[in-house]
């Protein structure tokens, strides 16, 4: 044993060195624990925000397969998350919007900007839901496109209001035409 030849002072110095190392480890462990707590708190805030918003939030991988949908996405489409996650995003896109939506996805994966756009989603019961989307490319640590994440807003009420305004404008134009040609009288 090598320790039997060490002087008492050498052993005291080694013990002091070990104590300093233990203090550094304890301090490091405390810092790591605080960082983990802060990360947990941040993740909880993020999760609460994403899960309580009235917007549809989703993530798809580089193949266009859902990896996450928030509860609002489930409500608007009528599909539970397990029915969507692992499936292509095109499964809930109305047929006439699939081609343009795939093209936007491909452009985004190539790193090109994709402006906000409107499309219709198909609810599980067959209803159509008009949605305005803003979708952004997600990159991995090497800068390679790893997928897309997006926010959608159900614009059903906006569409109804637009339709009502168009009808009012058409009715007004018709009334003006009748008044102008003299066939409409009080």
Protein backbone atom coordinates (compact mmCIF):
# COMPACT_ATOMS: atom_id res chain seq x y z
CA UNK A 1 0.00 0.00 0.00
CA UNK A 2 1.33 3.36 -1.06
CA UNK A 3 -0.42 5.24 1.74
CA UNK A 4 1.79 3.73 4.43
CA UNK A 5 4.82 5.62 3.15
CA UNK A 6 3.05 8.99 3.03
CA UNK A 7 3.71 11.49 5.71
CA UNK A 8 1.03 12.76 7.93
CA UNK A 9 1.17 16.17 6.20
CA UNK A 10 0.73 14.57 2.77
CA UNK A 11 -2.38 12.76 3.99
CA UNK A 12 -3.76 15.99 5.49
CA UNK A 13 -3.11 17.79 2.17
CA UNK A 14 -4.86 15.01 0.24
CA UNK A 15 -7.86 15.15 2.57
CA UNK A 16 -8.02 18.94 2.15
CA UNK A 17 -7.86 18.53 -1.63
CA UNK A 18 -10.65 15.94 -1.52
CA UNK A 19 -12.79 18.26 0.62
CA UNK A 20 -12.32 21.11 -1.91
CA UNK A 21 -13.29 18.76 -4.73
CA UNK A 22 -16.39 17.63 -2.81
CA UNK A 23 -17.40 21.28 -2.22
CA UNK A 24 -16.99 22.03 -5.95
CA UNK A 25 -19.07 18.96 -6.81
CA UNK A 26 -21.75 19.96 -4.31
CA UNK A 27 -21.80 23.50 -5.74
CA UNK A 28 -21.96 22.11 -9.26
CA UNK A 29 -24.78 19.76 -8.27
CA UNK A 30 -26.70 22.65 -6.70
CA UNK A 31 -26.28 24.72 -9.88
CA UNK A 32 -27.39 21.77 -12.02
CA UNK A 33 -30.40 21.24 -9.78
CA UNK A 34 -31.36 24.94 -10.05
CA UNK A 35 -30.95 24.80 -13.83
CA UNK A 36 -33.16 21.70 -14.00
CA UNK A 37 -35.81 23.44 -11.88
CA UNK A 38 -35.71 26.51 -14.15
CA UNK A 39 -35.97 24.29 -17.22
CA UNK A 40 -38.91 22.39 -15.74
CA UNK A 41 -40.64 25.67 -14.92
CA UNK A 42 -40.01 27.00 -18.42
CA UNK A 43 -41.29 23.79 -19.99
CA UNK A 44 -44.43 23.96 -17.85
CA UNK A 45 -45.11 27.57 -18.91
CA UNK A 46 -44.59 26.62 -22.57
CA UNK A 47 -46.85 23.58 -22.26
CA UNK A 48 -49.59 25.61 -20.53
CA UNK A 49 -49.41 28.27 -23.24
CA UNK A 50 -49.50 25.78 -26.12
CA UNK A 51 -52.22 23.63 -24.59
CA UNK A 52 -54.53 26.48 -23.55
CA UNK A 53 -54.41 28.68 -26.66
CA UNK A 54 -57.39 28.91 -28.98
CA UNK A 55 -55.02 28.46 -31.94
CA UNK A 56 -54.22 25.12 -33.54
CA UNK A 57 -50.56 24.24 -32.97
CA UNK A 58 -48.81 21.35 -34.68
CA UNK A 59 -45.37 19.96 -35.49
CA UNK A 60 -44.50 17.71 -38.42
CA UNK A 61 -41.18 16.03 -39.15
CA UNK A 62 -39.22 16.36 -42.41
CA UNK A 63 -41.46 13.73 -44.03
CA UNK A 64 -44.61 15.71 -43.17
CA UNK A 65 -45.75 13.35 -40.42
CA UNK A 66 -47.40 14.82 -37.35
CA UNK A 67 -45.24 14.56 -34.23
CA UNK A 68 -47.40 16.85 -32.07
CA UNK A 69 -50.82 18.49 -32.10
CA UNK A 70 -52.23 20.60 -29.29
CA UNK A 71 -55.66 20.08 -27.71
CA UNK A 72 -57.26 22.82 -29.83
CA UNK A 73 -56.10 21.01 -32.98
CA UNK A 74 -57.89 17.92 -31.66
CA UNK A 75 -61.09 19.89 -30.99
CA UNK A 76 -61.17 21.60 -34.39
CA UNK A 77 -60.48 18.39 -36.36
CA UNK A 78 -62.35 15.95 -34.14
CA UNK A 79 -59.33 13.63 -34.06
CA UNK A 80 -57.49 12.70 -30.88
CA UNK A 81 -53.72 13.27 -30.92
CA UNK A 82 -52.95 9.51 -31.15
CA UNK A 83 -55.06 9.37 -34.34
CA UNK A 84 -52.94 12.12 -35.93
CA UNK A 85 -49.42 11.66 -34.56
CA UNK A 86 -47.48 9.35 -36.85
CA UNK A 87 -49.71 10.15 -39.84
CA UNK A 88 -49.16 12.60 -42.73
CA UNK A 89 -50.51 16.11 -42.35
CA UNK A 90 -52.39 15.66 -45.62
CA UNK A 91 -54.80 13.25 -43.90
CA UNK A 92 -56.87 16.17 -42.60
CA UNK A 93 -56.39 18.63 -45.47
CA UNK A 94 -59.35 19.06 -47.85
CA UNK A 95 -58.50 17.43 -51.22
CA UNK A 96 -58.38 20.65 -53.25
CA UNK A 97 -55.78 22.10 -50.86
CA UNK A 98 -53.44 19.09 -50.67
CA UNK A 99 -51.25 19.87 -53.68
CA UNK A 100 -50.63 23.52 -52.74
CA UNK A 101 -50.07 22.60 -49.09
CA UNK A 102 -47.50 19.93 -50.04
CA UNK A 103 -45.74 22.46 -52.29
CA UNK A 104 -45.55 24.97 -49.39
CA UNK A 105 -44.20 22.21 -47.15
CA UNK A 106 -41.46 21.34 -49.68
CA UNK A 107 -40.49 25.00 -50.12
CA UNK A 108 -40.29 25.41 -46.35
CA UNK A 109 -38.14 22.29 -45.94
CA UNK A 110 -35.80 23.73 -48.61
CA UNK A 111 -35.47 26.83 -46.42
CA UNK A 112 -37.69 29.13 -48.48
CA UNK A 113 -40.13 31.48 -46.81
CA UNK A 114 -43.77 30.53 -46.92
CA UNK A 115 -46.20 33.36 -46.24
CA UNK A 116 -49.39 32.79 -44.25
CA UNK A 117 -52.07 30.97 -46.21
CA UNK A 118 -55.60 29.65 -45.93
CA UNK A 119 -56.74 26.06 -46.39
CA UNK A 120 -59.59 23.89 -45.21
CA UNK A 121 -59.23 21.00 -42.81
CA UNK A 122 -61.59 18.08 -42.75
CA UNK A 123 -63.23 17.39 -39.40
CA UNK A 124 -63.63 13.74 -38.51
CA UNK A 125 -67.39 14.11 -39.07
CA UNK A 126 -66.81 15.38 -42.64
CA UNK A 127 -67.34 19.09 -41.95
CA UNK A 128 -64.87 21.53 -43.45
CA UNK A 129 -63.05 24.01 -41.25
CA UNK A 130 -61.38 27.03 -42.89
CA UNK A 131 -58.05 27.77 -41.22
CA UNK A 132 -55.40 30.43 -41.69
CA UNK A 133 -51.89 29.00 -41.20
CA UNK A 134 -48.48 30.41 -40.39
CA UNK A 135 -45.89 27.65 -40.69
CA UNK A 136 -42.16 27.85 -39.99
CA UNK A 137 -39.28 25.47 -40.62
CA UNK A 138 -37.65 23.85 -37.62
CA UNK A 139 -33.89 23.18 -37.84
CA UNK A 140 -31.71 20.68 -35.99
CA UNK A 141 -28.37 21.47 -34.30
CA UNK A 142 -26.49 21.20 -37.60
CA UNK A 143 -28.78 23.66 -39.39
CA UNK A 144 -30.57 20.98 -41.40
CA UNK A 145 -34.36 21.27 -41.79
CA UNK A 146 -35.88 18.82 -39.33
CA UNK A 147 -39.53 19.58 -39.92
CA UNK A 148 -42.12 22.31 -39.69
CA UNK A 149 -44.21 23.75 -36.90
CA UNK A 150 -47.24 25.85 -37.34
CA UNK A 151 -50.06 27.82 -35.88
CA UNK A 152 -53.51 27.78 -37.37
CA UNK A 153 -56.55 29.88 -36.62
CA UNK A 154 -60.09 28.74 -37.29
CA UNK A 155 -61.53 31.47 -39.55
CA UNK A 156 -65.07 30.09 -39.80
CA UNK A 157 -66.60 33.20 -38.22
CA UNK A 158 -64.52 35.51 -40.41
CA UNK A 159 -65.70 33.65 -43.51
CA UNK A 160 -69.34 33.93 -42.35
CA UNK A 161 -68.90 37.67 -41.80
CA UNK A 162 -67.29 38.08 -45.25
CA UNK A 163 -70.17 36.15 -46.85
CA UNK A 164 -72.70 38.33 -45.03
CA UNK A 165 -70.92 41.50 -46.18
CA UNK A 166 -70.87 40.24 -49.78
CA UNK A 167 -74.59 39.48 -49.59
CA UNK A 168 -75.32 42.93 -48.18
CA UNK A 169 -73.24 44.53 -50.95
CA UNK A 170 -75.06 42.48 -53.59
CA UNK A 171 -78.45 43.40 -52.12
CA UNK A 172 -77.46 47.05 -52.00
CA UNK A 173 -76.25 46.97 -55.61
CA UNK A 174 -79.52 45.33 -56.66
CA UNK A 175 -81.55 47.96 -54.76
CA UNK A 176 -79.50 50.76 -56.32
CA UNK A 177 -80.02 49.29 -59.81
CA UNK A 178 -83.77 49.04 -59.25
CA UNK A 179 -83.90 52.58 -57.89
CA UNK A 180 -81.86 53.86 -60.82
CA UNK A 181 -84.04 52.32 -63.53
CA UNK A 182 -87.19 53.57 -61.84
CA UNK A 183 -88.80 50.17 -61.31
CA UNK A 184 -88.53 50.40 -57.57
CA UNK A 185 -91.00 52.69 -55.88
CA UNK A 186 -91.90 53.57 -52.29
